[in-house]
Amino acid sequence: MSGAEKSFATRTPPEPVTLTDENFDEFVSNNRLAVVDFWAEWCAPCRMIAPIVKELAKDYAGRIAFGKLNVDENPMTAAKFGIMSIPTLIVFKDGQPVDMIVGAVPKRQIEVRLNRHL
């Protein structure tokens, strides 16, 4: 396990972790609560929500781990979860998906959904 992989196994960093098809399963299973932002470079709404996801990672540091997965570079994971629209945020609890937020939604709306799982 590399140093980066160990880091998300032991703490929830104050910044989203870059995820790949290779490290995705470990990330969600090693964090009690995790949020994964499925996005792509060409997606304007993804660029709109990116700063919000970064803020949420800081706000929830120590409680929720945040990751970002580029769907163009990591198609297997995107297909596994049936990602048809981006941005899509999936909330994982104990390694299982428990909530999905599709589209560029306001920060407060995401917070309300996240707080349900704390």
PDB file of N, CA and C in Angstrom:
ATOM      1  N   MET A   1       0.852  -1.172   0.000  1.00  0.00           N
ATOM      2  CA  MET A   1       0.000   0.000   0.000  1.00  0.00           C
ATOM      3  C   MET A   1       0.900   1.238   0.000  1.00  0.00           C
ATOM      4  N   SER A   2       0.632   2.182  -0.875  1.00  0.00           N
ATOM      5  CA  SER A   2       1.436   3.397  -0.940  1.00  0.00           C
ATOM      6  C   SER A   2       1.063   4.346   0.193  1.00  0.00           C
ATOM      7  N   GLY A   3       1.872   5.368   0.381  1.00  0.00           N
ATOM      8  CA  GLY A   3       1.603   6.344   1.429  1.00  0.00           C
ATOM      9  C   GLY A   3       0.273   7.039   1.243  1.00  0.00           C
ATOM     10  N   ALA A   4      -0.072   7.359  -0.006  1.00  0.00           N
ATOM     11  CA  ALA A   4      -1.352   8.027  -0.272  1.00  0.00           C
ATOM     12  C   ALA A   4      -2.517   7.120   0.090  1.00  0.00           C
ATOM     13  N   GLU A   5      -2.394   5.834  -0.239  1.00  0.00           N
ATOM     14  CA  GLU A   5      -3.474   4.912   0.089  1.00  0.00           C
ATOM     15  C   GLU A   5      -3.603   4.741   1.593  1.00  0.00           C
ATOM     16  N   LYS A   6      -2.475   4.687   2.301  1.00  0.00           N
ATOM     17  CA  LYS A   6      -2.523   4.564   3.755  1.00  0.00           C
ATOM     18  C   LYS A   6      -3.208   5.773   4.375  1.00  0.00           C
ATOM     19  N   SER A   7      -2.992   6.961   3.778  1.00  0.00           N
ATOM     20  CA  SER A   7      -3.545   8.171   4.379  1.00  0.00           C
ATOM     21  C   SER A   7      -5.061   8.121   4.463  1.00  0.00           C
ATOM     22  N   PHE A   8      -5.744   7.602   3.438  1.00  0.00           N
ATOM     23  CA  PHE A   8      -7.195   7.579   3.553  1.00  0.00           C
ATOM     24  C   PHE A   8      -7.693   6.379   4.323  1.00  0.00           C
ATOM     25  N   ALA A   9      -6.795   5.492   4.719  1.00  0.00           N
ATOM     26  CA  ALA A   9      -7.196   4.374   5.570  1.00  0.00           C
ATOM     27  C   ALA A   9      -7.201   4.787   7.036  1.00  0.00           C
ATOM     28  N   THR A  10      -6.512   5.860   7.369  1.00  0.00           N
ATOM     29  CA  THR A  10      -6.360   6.216   8.772  1.00  0.00           C
ATOM     30  C   THR A  10      -6.998   7.538   9.162  1.00  0.00           C
ATOM     31  N   ARG A  11      -7.339   8.394   8.203  1.00  0.00           N
ATOM     32  CA  ARG A  11      -7.928   9.684   8.555  1.00  0.00           C
ATOM     33  C   ARG A  11      -8.746  10.211   7.386  1.00  0.00           C
ATOM     34  N   THR A  12      -9.578  11.186   7.669  1.00  0.00           N
ATOM     35  CA  THR A  12     -10.337  11.817   6.592  1.00  0.00           C
ATOM     36  C   THR A  12      -9.684  13.157   6.291  1.00  0.00           C
ATOM     37  N   PRO A  13      -8.975  13.260   5.183  1.00  0.00           N
ATOM     38  CA  PRO A  13      -8.224  14.471   4.863  1.00  0.00           C
ATOM     39  C   PRO A  13      -9.133  15.665   4.592  1.00  0.00           C
ATOM     40  N   PRO A  14      -8.610  16.888   4.801  1.00  0.00           N
ATOM     41  CA  PRO A  14      -9.409  18.099   4.580  1.00  0.00           C
ATOM     42  C   PRO A  14      -9.483  18.501   3.112  1.00  0.00           C
ATOM     43  N   GLU A  15      -9.175  17.606   2.221  1.00  0.00           N
ATOM     44  CA  GLU A  15      -9.205  17.870   0.792  1.00  0.00           C
ATOM     45  C   GLU A  15      -9.625  16.585   0.073  1.00  0.00           C
ATOM     46  N   PRO A  16     -10.376  16.699  -1.023  1.00  0.00           N
ATOM     47  CA  PRO A  16     -10.769  15.481  -1.740  1.00  0.00           C
ATOM     48  C   PRO A  16      -9.553  14.697  -2.248  1.00  0.00           C
ATOM     49  N   VAL A  17      -9.626  13.387  -2.132  1.00  0.00           N
ATOM     50  CA  VAL A  17      -8.579  12.482  -2.591  1.00  0.00           C
ATOM     51  C   VAL A  17      -8.873  12.115  -4.046  1.00  0.00           C
ATOM     52  N   THR A  18      -7.853  12.082  -4.888  1.00  0.00           N
ATOM     53  CA  THR A  18      -8.027  11.655  -6.272  1.00  0.00           C
ATOM     54  C   THR A  18      -8.154  10.138  -6.299  1.00  0.00           C
ATOM     55  N   LEU A  19      -9.273   9.669  -6.831  1.00  0.00           N
ATOM     56  CA  LEU A  19      -9.540   8.231  -6.875  1.00  0.00           C
ATOM     57  C   LEU A  19      -9.403   7.697  -8.296  1.00  0.00           C
ATOM     58  N   THR A  20      -9.126   6.388  -8.365  1.00  0.00           N
ATOM     59  CA  THR A  20      -9.004   5.685  -9.641  1.00  0.00           C
ATOM     60  C   THR A  20      -9.777   4.373  -9.543  1.00  0.00           C
ATOM     61  N   ASP A  21      -9.887   3.687 -10.663  1.00  0.00           N
ATOM     62  CA  ASP A  21     -10.498   2.357 -10.635  1.00  0.00           C
ATOM     63  C   ASP A  21      -9.735   1.443  -9.671  1.00  0.00           C
ATOM     64  N   GLU A  22      -8.437   1.668  -9.538  1.00  0.00           N
ATOM     65  CA  GLU A  22      -7.597   0.807  -8.714  1.00  0.00           C
ATOM     66  C   GLU A  22      -7.754   1.056  -7.211  1.00  0.00           C
ATOM     67  N   ASN A  23      -7.924   2.298  -6.783  1.00  0.00           N
ATOM     68  CA  ASN A  23      -7.958   2.564  -5.331  1.00  0.00           C
ATOM     69  C   ASN A  23      -9.355   2.876  -4.790  1.00  0.00           C
ATOM     70  N   PHE A  24     -10.349   2.881  -5.646  1.00  0.00           N
ATOM     71  CA  PHE A  24     -11.700   3.263  -5.244  1.00  0.00           C
ATOM     72  C   PHE A  24     -12.261   2.377  -4.128  1.00  0.00           C
ATOM     73  N   ASP A  25     -12.248   1.062  -4.326  1.00  0.00           N
ATOM     74  CA  ASP A  25     -12.845   0.146  -3.344  1.00  0.00           C
ATOM     75  C   ASP A  25     -12.192   0.284  -1.977  1.00  0.00           C
ATOM     76  N   GLU A  26     -10.881   0.425  -1.973  1.00  0.00           N
ATOM     77  CA  GLU A  26     -10.172   0.581  -0.701  1.00  0.00           C
ATOM     78  C   GLU A  26     -10.582   1.879  -0.004  1.00  0.00           C
ATOM     79  N   PHE A  27     -10.720   2.947  -0.775  1.00  0.00           N
ATOM     80  CA  PHE A  27     -11.107   4.232  -0.200  1.00  0.00           C
ATOM     81  C   PHE A  27     -12.466   4.150   0.483  1.00  0.00           C
ATOM     82  N   VAL A  28     -13.471   3.621  -0.217  1.00  0.00           N
ATOM     83  CA  VAL A  28     -14.814   3.597   0.375  1.00  0.00           C
ATOM     84  C   VAL A  28     -14.918   2.588   1.513  1.00  0.00           C
ATOM     85  N   SER A  29     -14.166   1.503   1.448  1.00  0.00           N
ATOM     86  CA  SER A  29     -14.265   0.505   2.523  1.00  0.00           C
ATOM     87  C   SER A  29     -13.459   0.894   3.759  1.00  0.00           C
ATOM     88  N   ASN A  30     -12.444   1.740   3.596  1.00  0.00           N
ATOM     89  CA  ASN A  30     -11.614   2.134   4.737  1.00  0.00           C
ATOM     90  C   ASN A  30     -12.097   3.395   5.442  1.00  0.00           C
ATOM     91  N   ASN A  31     -13.184   3.950   4.990  1.00  0.00           N
ATOM     92  CA  ASN A  31     -13.751   5.137   5.629  1.00  0.00           C
ATOM     93  C   ASN A  31     -15.203   4.848   5.986  1.00  0.00           C
ATOM     94  N   ARG A  32     -15.554   5.070   7.254  1.00  0.00           N
ATOM     95  CA  ARG A  32     -16.924   4.808   7.696  1.00  0.00           C
ATOM     96  C   ARG A  32     -17.921   5.586   6.844  1.00  0.00           C
ATOM     97  N   LEU A  33     -17.615   6.855   6.606  1.00  0.00           N
ATOM     98  CA  LEU A  33     -18.430   7.690   5.718  1.00  0.00           C
ATOM     99  C   LEU A  33     -17.527   8.276   4.642  1.00  0.00           C
ATOM    100  N   ALA A  34     -17.942   8.147   3.398  1.00  0.00           N
ATOM    101  CA  ALA A  34     -17.174   8.700   2.284  1.00  0.00           C
ATOM    102  C   ALA A  34     -18.140   9.256   1.247  1.00  0.00           C
ATOM    103  N   VAL A  35     -17.719  10.331   0.611  1.00  0.00           N
ATOM    104  CA  VAL A  35     -18.477  10.924  -0.493  1.00  0.00           C
ATOM    105  C   VAL A  35     -17.557  10.930  -1.704  1.00  0.00           C
ATOM    106  N   VAL A  36     -18.053  10.411  -2.811  1.00  0.00           N
ATOM    107  CA  VAL A  36     -17.268  10.405  -4.041  1.00  0.00           C
ATOM    108  C   VAL A  36     -17.967  11.277  -5.075  1.00  0.00           C
ATOM    109  N   ASP A  37     -17.201  12.221  -5.613  1.00  0.00           N
ATOM    110  CA  ASP A  37     -17.659  13.122  -6.667  1.00  0.00           C
ATOM    111  C   ASP A  37     -17.240  12.518  -8.008  1.00  0.00           C
ATOM    112  N   PHE A  38     -18.217  12.072  -8.791  1.00  0.00           N
ATOM    113  CA  PHE A  38     -17.964  11.552 -10.136  1.00  0.00           C
ATOM    114  C   PHE A  38     -18.047  12.741 -11.089  1.00  0.00           C
ATOM    115  N   TRP A  39     -16.979  13.001 -11.839  1.00  0.00           N
ATOM    116  CA  TRP A  39     -16.881  14.218 -12.634  1.00  0.00           C
ATOM    117  C   TRP A  39     -16.077  13.961 -13.909  1.00  0.00           C
ATOM    118  N   ALA A  40     -15.978  14.999 -14.768  1.00  0.00           N
ATOM    119  CA  ALA A  40     -15.128  14.965 -15.963  1.00  0.00           C
ATOM    120  C   ALA A  40     -14.641  16.382 -16.248  1.00  0.00           C
ATOM    121  N   GLU A  41     -13.490  16.469 -16.899  1.00  0.00           N
ATOM    122  CA  GLU A  41     -12.874  17.766 -17.230  1.00  0.00           C
ATOM    123  C   GLU A  41     -13.797  18.656 -18.059  1.00  0.00           C
ATOM    124  N   TRP A  42     -14.501  18.085 -19.017  1.00  0.00           N
ATOM    125  CA  TRP A  42     -15.303  18.846 -19.970  1.00  0.00           C
ATOM    126  C   TRP A  42     -16.649  19.298 -19.407  1.00  0.00           C
ATOM    127  N   CYS A  43     -16.979  18.867 -18.208  1.00  0.00           N
ATOM    128  CA  CYS A  43     -18.305  19.086 -17.619  1.00  0.00           C
ATOM    129  C   CYS A  43     -18.367  20.418 -16.858  1.00  0.00           C
ATOM    130  N   ALA A  44     -19.099  21.387 -17.414  1.00  0.00           N
ATOM    131  CA  ALA A  44     -19.212  22.704 -16.765  1.00  0.00           C
ATOM    132  C   ALA A  44     -19.867  22.626 -15.383  1.00  0.00           C
ATOM    133  N   PRO A  45     -20.971  21.896 -15.196  1.00  0.00           N
ATOM    134  CA  PRO A  45     -21.541  21.788 -13.848  1.00  0.00           C
ATOM    135  C   PRO A  45     -20.569  21.141 -12.848  1.00  0.00           C
ATOM    136  N   CYS A  46     -19.713  20.245 -13.346  1.00  0.00           N
ATOM    137  CA  CYS A  46     -18.705  19.633 -12.466  1.00  0.00           C
ATOM    138  C   CYS A  46     -17.728  20.697 -11.966  1.00  0.00           C
ATOM    139  N   ARG A  47     -17.355  21.603 -12.857  1.00  0.00           N
ATOM    140  CA  ARG A  47     -16.445  22.689 -12.459  1.00  0.00           C
ATOM    141  C   ARG A  47     -17.130  23.631 -11.472  1.00  0.00           C
ATOM    142  N   MET A  48     -18.452  23.782 -11.598  1.00  0.00           N
ATOM    143  CA  MET A  48     -19.200  24.635 -10.668  1.00  0.00           C
ATOM    144  C   MET A  48     -19.229  24.035  -9.264  1.00  0.00           C
ATOM    145  N   ILE A  49     -19.370  22.725  -9.174  1.00  0.00           N
ATOM    146  CA  ILE A  49     -19.517  22.076  -7.873  1.00  0.00           C
ATOM    147  C   ILE A  49     -18.164  21.750  -7.223  1.00  0.00           C
ATOM    148  N   ALA A  50     -17.089  21.738  -8.003  1.00  0.00           N
ATOM    149  CA  ALA A  50     -15.768  21.370  -7.471  1.00  0.00           C
ATOM    150  C   ALA A  50     -15.358  22.201  -6.248  1.00  0.00           C
ATOM    151  N   PRO A  51     -15.510  23.537  -6.272  1.00  0.00           N
ATOM    152  CA  PRO A  51     -15.130  24.309  -5.082  1.00  0.00           C
ATOM    153  C   PRO A  51     -16.011  23.988  -3.874  1.00  0.00           C
ATOM    154  N   ILE A  52     -17.266  23.636  -4.120  1.00  0.00           N
ATOM    155  CA  ILE A  52     -18.175  23.267  -3.027  1.00  0.00           C
ATOM    156  C   ILE A  52     -17.710  21.965  -2.393  1.00  0.00           C
ATOM    157  N   VAL A  53     -17.336  20.997  -3.223  1.00  0.00           N
ATOM    158  CA  VAL A  53     -16.846  19.715  -2.705  1.00  0.00           C
ATOM    159  C   VAL A  53     -15.578  19.938  -1.886  1.00  0.00           C
ATOM    160  N   LYS A  54     -14.719  20.819  -2.364  1.00  0.00           N
ATOM    161  CA  LYS A  54     -13.482  21.131  -1.636  1.00  0.00           C
ATOM    162  C   LYS A  54     -13.802  21.767  -0.276  1.00  0.00           C
ATOM    163  N   GLU A  55     -14.755  22.691  -0.251  1.00  0.00           N
ATOM    164  CA  GLU A  55     -15.180  23.318   1.013  1.00  0.00           C
ATOM    165  C   GLU A  55     -15.773  22.284   1.962  1.00  0.00           C
ATOM    166  N   LEU A  56     -16.610  21.398   1.433  1.00  0.00           N
ATOM    167  CA  LEU A  56     -17.232  20.366   2.267  1.00  0.00           C
ATOM    168  C   LEU A  56     -16.183  19.437   2.862  1.00  0.00           C
ATOM    169  N   ALA A  57     -15.151  19.118   2.086  1.00  0.00           N
ATOM    170  CA  ALA A  57     -14.075  18.260   2.598  1.00  0.00           C
ATOM    171  C   ALA A  57     -13.416  18.914   3.809  1.00  0.00           C
ATOM    172  N   LYS A  58     -13.233  20.227   3.761  1.00  0.00           N
ATOM    173  CA  LYS A  58     -12.662  20.951   4.911  1.00  0.00           C
ATOM    174  C   LYS A  58     -13.655  20.981   6.070  1.00  0.00           C
ATOM    175  N   ASP A  59     -14.908  21.296   5.754  1.00  0.00           N
ATOM    176  CA  ASP A  59     -15.938  21.415   6.791  1.00  0.00           C
ATOM    177  C   ASP A  59     -16.166  20.098   7.535  1.00  0.00           C
ATOM    178  N   TYR A  60     -16.077  18.989   6.828  1.00  0.00           N
ATOM    179  CA  TYR A  60     -16.370  17.673   7.412  1.00  0.00           C
ATOM    180  C   TYR A  60     -15.109  16.850   7.694  1.00  0.00           C
ATOM    181  N   ALA A  61     -13.936  17.484   7.629  1.00  0.00           N
ATOM    182  CA  ALA A  61     -12.674  16.771   7.886  1.00  0.00           C
ATOM    183  C   ALA A  61     -12.748  16.072   9.241  1.00  0.00           C
ATOM    184  N   GLY A  62     -12.317  14.823   9.261  1.00  0.00           N
ATOM    185  CA  GLY A  62     -12.372  14.035  10.481  1.00  0.00           C
ATOM    186  C   GLY A  62     -13.669  13.265  10.639  1.00  0.00           C
ATOM    187  N   ARG A  63     -14.680  13.606   9.829  1.00  0.00           N
ATOM    188  CA  ARG A  63     -15.978  12.923   9.916  1.00  0.00           C
ATOM    189  C   ARG A  63     -16.364  12.216   8.624  1.00  0.00           C
ATOM    190  N   ILE A  64     -16.091  12.866   7.493  1.00  0.00           N
ATOM    191  CA  ILE A  64     -16.424  12.293   6.186  1.00  0.00           C
ATOM    192  C   ILE A  64     -15.215  12.451   5.274  1.00  0.00           C
ATOM    193  N   ALA A  65     -14.840  11.377   4.602  1.00  0.00           N
ATOM    194  CA  ALA A  65     -13.759  11.435   3.615  1.00  0.00           C
ATOM    195  C   ALA A  65     -14.365  11.762   2.253  1.00  0.00           C
ATOM    196  N   PHE A  66     -13.706  12.626   1.509  1.00  0.00           N
ATOM    197  CA  PHE A  66     -14.172  13.017   0.179  1.00  0.00           C
ATOM    198  C   PHE A  66     -13.170  12.567  -0.871  1.00  0.00           C
ATOM    199  N   GLY A  67     -13.701  12.049  -1.966  1.00  0.00           N
ATOM    200  CA  GLY A  67     -12.867  11.648  -3.090  1.00  0.00           C
ATOM    201  C   GLY A  67     -13.465  12.146  -4.386  1.00  0.00           C
ATOM    202  N   LYS A  68     -12.613  12.252  -5.414  1.00  0.00           N
ATOM    203  CA  LYS A  68     -13.049  12.678  -6.740  1.00  0.00           C
ATOM    204  C   LYS A  68     -12.608  11.616  -7.736  1.00  0.00           C
ATOM    205  N   LEU A  69     -13.533  11.197  -8.595  1.00  0.00           N
ATOM    206  CA  LEU A  69     -13.214  10.185  -9.593  1.00  0.00           C
ATOM    207  C   LEU A  69     -13.575  10.705 -10.979  1.00  0.00           C
ATOM    208  N   ASN A  70     -12.573  10.855 -11.833  1.00  0.00           N
ATOM    209  CA  ASN A  70     -12.783  11.299 -13.209  1.00  0.00           C
ATOM    210  C   ASN A  70     -13.366  10.124 -13.995  1.00  0.00           C
ATOM    211  N   VAL A  71     -14.598  10.281 -14.476  1.00  0.00           N
ATOM    212  CA  VAL A  71     -15.298   9.173 -15.138  1.00  0.00           C
ATOM    213  C   VAL A  71     -14.685   8.809 -16.490  1.00  0.00           C
ATOM    214  N   ASP A  72     -14.049   9.770 -17.154  1.00  0.00           N
ATOM    215  CA  ASP A  72     -13.415   9.477 -18.440  1.00  0.00           C
ATOM    216  C   ASP A  72     -12.163   8.623 -18.255  1.00  0.00           C
ATOM    217  N   GLU A  73     -11.428   8.875 -17.193  1.00  0.00           N
ATOM    218  CA  GLU A  73     -10.191   8.140 -16.930  1.00  0.00           C
ATOM    219  C   GLU A  73     -10.433   6.842 -16.166  1.00  0.00           C
ATOM    220  N   ASN A  74     -11.602   6.696 -15.555  1.00  0.00           N
ATOM    221  CA  ASN A  74     -11.910   5.535 -14.709  1.00  0.00           C
ATOM    222  C   ASN A  74     -13.303   4.998 -15.024  1.00  0.00           C
ATOM    223  N   PRO A  75     -13.497   4.495 -16.242  1.00  0.00           N
ATOM    224  CA  PRO A  75     -14.835   4.090 -16.671  1.00  0.00           C
ATOM    225  C   PRO A  75     -15.398   2.869 -15.939  1.00  0.00           C
ATOM    226  N   MET A  76     -14.544   1.995 -15.431  1.00  0.00           N
ATOM    227  CA  MET A  76     -15.058   0.784 -14.769  1.00  0.00           C
ATOM    228  C   MET A  76     -15.857   1.129 -13.519  1.00  0.00           C
ATOM    229  N   THR A  77     -15.331   2.026 -12.699  1.00  0.00           N
ATOM    230  CA  THR A  77     -16.033   2.388 -11.468  1.00  0.00           C
ATOM    231  C   THR A  77     -17.304   3.161 -11.787  1.00  0.00           C
ATOM    232  N   ALA A  78     -17.230   4.070 -12.742  1.00  0.00           N
ATOM    233  CA  ALA A  78     -18.423   4.828 -13.138  1.00  0.00           C
ATOM    234  C   ALA A  78     -19.516   3.876 -13.628  1.00  0.00           C
ATOM    235  N   ALA A  79     -19.149   2.879 -14.416  1.00  0.00           N
ATOM    236  CA  ALA A  79     -20.124   1.910 -14.920  1.00  0.00           C
ATOM    237  C   ALA A  79     -20.682   1.052 -13.789  1.00  0.00           C
ATOM    238  N   LYS A  80     -19.833   0.686 -12.855  1.00  0.00           N
ATOM    239  CA  LYS A  80     -20.253  -0.151 -11.718  1.00  0.00           C
ATOM    240  C   LYS A  80     -21.406   0.492 -10.949  1.00  0.00           C
ATOM    241  N   PHE A  81     -21.386   1.819 -10.849  1.00  0.00           N
ATOM    242  CA  PHE A  81     -22.421   2.532 -10.100  1.00  0.00           C
ATOM    243  C   PHE A  81     -23.473   3.167 -11.007  1.00  0.00           C
ATOM    244  N   GLY A  82     -23.441   2.846 -12.288  1.00  0.00           N
ATOM    245  CA  GLY A  82     -24.468   3.317 -13.215  1.00  0.00           C
ATOM    246  C   GLY A  82     -24.501   4.819 -13.378  1.00  0.00           C
ATOM    247  N   ILE A  83     -23.336   5.452 -13.358  1.00  0.00           N
ATOM    248  CA  ILE A  83     -23.280   6.909 -13.487  1.00  0.00           C
ATOM    249  C   ILE A  83     -23.671   7.295 -14.913  1.00  0.00           C
ATOM    250  N   MET A  84     -24.792   7.983 -15.033  1.00  0.00           N
ATOM    251  CA  MET A  84     -25.298   8.407 -16.339  1.00  0.00           C
ATOM    252  C   MET A  84     -25.213   9.924 -16.513  1.00  0.00           C
ATOM    253  N   SER A  85     -25.191  10.659 -15.406  1.00  0.00           N
ATOM    254  CA  SER A  85     -25.110  12.119 -15.427  1.00  0.00           C
ATOM    255  C   SER A  85     -24.028  12.548 -14.451  1.00  0.00           C
ATOM    256  N   ILE A  86     -23.342  13.615 -14.814  1.00  0.00           N
ATOM    257  CA  ILE A  86     -22.342  14.168 -13.901  1.00  0.00           C
ATOM    258  C   ILE A  86     -22.572  15.662 -13.785  1.00  0.00           C
ATOM    259  N   PRO A  87     -22.235  16.241 -12.652  1.00  0.00           N
ATOM    260  CA  PRO A  87     -21.635  15.585 -11.496  1.00  0.00           C
ATOM    261  C   PRO A  87     -22.649  14.717 -10.743  1.00  0.00           C
ATOM    262  N   THR A  88     -22.142  13.649 -10.170  1.00  0.00           N
ATOM    263  CA  THR A  88     -22.914  12.807  -9.264  1.00  0.00           C
ATOM    264  C   THR A  88     -22.082  12.594  -8.014  1.00  0.00           C
ATOM    265  N   LEU A  89     -22.689  12.840  -6.865  1.00  0.00           N
ATOM    266  CA  LEU A  89     -22.046  12.547  -5.585  1.00  0.00           C
ATOM    267  C   LEU A  89     -22.721  11.311  -5.010  1.00  0.00           C
ATOM    268  N   ILE A  90     -21.922  10.329  -4.625  1.00  0.00           N
ATOM    269  CA  ILE A  90     -22.469   9.155  -3.949  1.00  0.00           C
ATOM    270  C   ILE A  90     -21.905   9.125  -2.541  1.00  0.00           C
ATOM    271  N   VAL A  91     -22.800   8.964  -1.575  1.00  0.00           N
ATOM    272  CA  VAL A  91     -22.414   8.845  -0.165  1.00  0.00           C
ATOM    273  C   VAL A  91     -22.312   7.356   0.150  1.00  0.00           C
ATOM    274  N   PHE A  92     -21.182   6.961   0.711  1.00  0.00           N
ATOM    275  CA  PHE A  92     -20.956   5.576   1.116  1.00  0.00           C
ATOM    276  C   PHE A  92     -20.863   5.511   2.631  1.00  0.00           C
ATOM    277  N   LYS A  93     -21.550   4.553   3.210  1.00  0.00           N
ATOM    278  CA  LYS A  93     -21.476   4.321   4.651  1.00  0.00           C
ATOM    279  C   LYS A  93     -21.059   2.867   4.842  1.00  0.00           C
ATOM    280  N   ASP A  94     -19.966   2.671   5.562  1.00  0.00           N
ATOM    281  CA  ASP A  94     -19.424   1.324   5.774  1.00  0.00           C
ATOM    282  C   ASP A  94     -19.254   0.582   4.450  1.00  0.00           C
ATOM    283  N   GLY A  95     -18.794   1.298   3.428  1.00  0.00           N
ATOM    284  CA  GLY A  95     -18.489   0.696   2.136  1.00  0.00           C
ATOM    285  C   GLY A  95     -19.657   0.519   1.193  1.00  0.00           C
ATOM    286  N   GLN A  96     -20.870   0.864   1.631  1.00  0.00           N
ATOM    287  CA  GLN A  96     -22.066   0.672   0.807  1.00  0.00           C
ATOM    288  C   GLN A  96     -22.673   2.019   0.407  1.00  0.00           C
ATOM    289  N   PRO A  97     -23.130   2.153  -0.842  1.00  0.00           N
ATOM    290  CA  PRO A  97     -23.778   3.407  -1.238  1.00  0.00           C
ATOM    291  C   PRO A  97     -25.110   3.572  -0.507  1.00  0.00           C
ATOM    292  N   VAL A  98     -25.306   4.748   0.094  1.00  0.00           N
ATOM    293  CA  VAL A  98     -26.535   5.003   0.850  1.00  0.00           C
ATOM    294  C   VAL A  98     -27.288   6.234   0.353  1.00  0.00           C
ATOM    295  N   ASP A  99     -26.666   7.036  -0.502  1.00  0.00           N
ATOM    296  CA  ASP A  99     -27.324   8.243  -0.996  1.00  0.00           C
ATOM    297  C   ASP A  99     -26.640   8.672  -2.285  1.00  0.00           C
ATOM    298  N   MET A 100     -27.388   9.341  -3.158  1.00  0.00           N
ATOM    299  CA  MET A 100     -26.850   9.832  -4.420  1.00  0.00           C
ATOM    300  C   MET A 100     -27.430  11.211  -4.692  1.00  0.00           C
ATOM    301  N   ILE A 101     -26.557  12.146  -5.031  1.00  0.00           N
ATOM    302  CA  ILE A 101     -26.959  13.512  -5.360  1.00  0.00           C
ATOM    303  C   ILE A 101     -26.486  13.777  -6.787  1.00  0.00           C
ATOM    304  N   VAL A 102     -27.422  14.048  -7.685  1.00  0.00           N
ATOM    305  CA  VAL A 102     -27.084  14.247  -9.094  1.00  0.00           C
ATOM    306  C   VAL A 102     -27.258  15.714  -9.452  1.00  0.00           C
ATOM    307  N   GLY A 103     -26.249  16.265 -10.125  1.00  0.00           N
ATOM    308  CA  GLY A 103     -26.313  17.643 -10.588  1.00  0.00           C
ATOM    309  C   GLY A 103     -25.566  18.598  -9.680  1.00  0.00           C
ATOM    310  N   ALA A 104     -25.397  19.810 -10.176  1.00  0.00           N
ATOM    311  CA  ALA A 104     -24.721  20.858  -9.416  1.00  0.00           C
ATOM    312  C   ALA A 104     -25.753  21.496  -8.492  1.00  0.00           C
ATOM    313  N   VAL A 105     -25.801  21.022  -7.268  1.00  0.00           N
ATOM    314  CA  VAL A 105     -26.786  21.507  -6.298  1.00  0.00           C
ATOM    315  C   VAL A 105     -26.105  22.425  -5.286  1.00  0.00           C
ATOM    316  N   PRO A 106     -26.867  23.287  -4.617  1.00  0.00           N
ATOM    317  CA  PRO A 106     -26.285  24.206  -3.639  1.00  0.00           C
ATOM    318  C   PRO A 106     -25.626  23.467  -2.468  1.00  0.00           C
ATOM    319  N   LYS A 107     -24.613  24.111  -1.901  1.00  0.00           N
ATOM    320  CA  LYS A 107     -23.873  23.534  -0.780  1.00  0.00           C
ATOM    321  C   LYS A 107     -24.811  23.143   0.356  1.00  0.00           C
ATOM    322  N   ARG A 108     -25.740  23.999   0.685  1.00  0.00           N
ATOM    323  CA  ARG A 108     -26.644  23.729   1.813  1.00  0.00           C
ATOM    324  C   ARG A 108     -27.454  22.450   1.586  1.00  0.00           C
ATOM    325  N   GLN A 109     -27.886  22.232   0.372  1.00  0.00           N
ATOM    326  CA  GLN A 109     -28.653  21.026   0.054  1.00  0.00           C
ATOM    327  C   GLN A 109     -27.793  19.771   0.261  1.00  0.00           C
ATOM    328  N   ILE A 110     -26.530  19.847  -0.119  1.00  0.00           N
ATOM    329  CA  ILE A 110     -25.619  18.710   0.091  1.00  0.00           C
ATOM    330  C   ILE A 110     -25.393  18.494   1.583  1.00  0.00           C
ATOM    331  N   GLU A 111     -25.206  19.587   2.327  1.00  0.00           N
ATOM    332  CA  GLU A 111     -24.988  19.472   3.780  1.00  0.00           C
ATOM    333  C   GLU A 111     -26.158  18.774   4.466  1.00  0.00           C
ATOM    334  N   VAL A 112     -27.369  19.140   4.094  1.00  0.00           N
ATOM    335  CA  VAL A 112     -28.556  18.514   4.690  1.00  0.00           C
ATOM    336  C   VAL A 112     -28.526  17.011   4.451  1.00  0.00           C
ATOM    337  N   ARG A 113     -28.204  16.612   3.243  1.00  0.00           N
ATOM    338  CA  ARG A 113     -28.148  15.178   2.910  1.00  0.00           C
ATOM    339  C   ARG A 113     -27.029  14.485   3.677  1.00  0.00           C
ATOM    340  N   LEU A 114     -25.862  15.129   3.768  1.00  0.00           N
ATOM    341  CA  LEU A 114     -24.731  14.515   4.477  1.00  0.00           C
ATOM    342  C   LEU A 114     -25.022  14.365   5.960  1.00  0.00           C
ATOM    343  N   ASN A 115     -25.643  15.379   6.543  1.00  0.00           N
ATOM    344  CA  ASN A 115     -25.914  15.353   7.985  1.00  0.00           C
ATOM    345  C   ASN A 115     -26.844  14.208   8.377  1.00  0.00           C
ATOM    346  N   ARG A 116     -27.651  13.740   7.458  1.00  0.00           N
ATOM    347  CA  ARG A 116     -28.524  12.588   7.733  1.00  0.00           C
ATOM    348  C   ARG A 116     -27.719  11.322   8.032  1.00  0.00           C
ATOM    349  N   HIS A 117     -26.508  11.269   7.526  1.00  0.00           N
ATOM    350  CA  HIS A 117     -25.702  10.048   7.641  1.00  0.00           C
ATOM    351  C   HIS A 117     -24.662  10.106   8.753  1.00  0.00           C
ATOM    352  N   LEU A 118     -24.558  11.247   9.417  1.00  0.00           N
ATOM    353  CA  LEU A 118     -23.566  11.370  10.504  1.00  0.00           C
ATOM    354  C   LEU A 118     -24.044  10.671  11.763  1.00  0.00           C
TER     355      LEU A 118
END
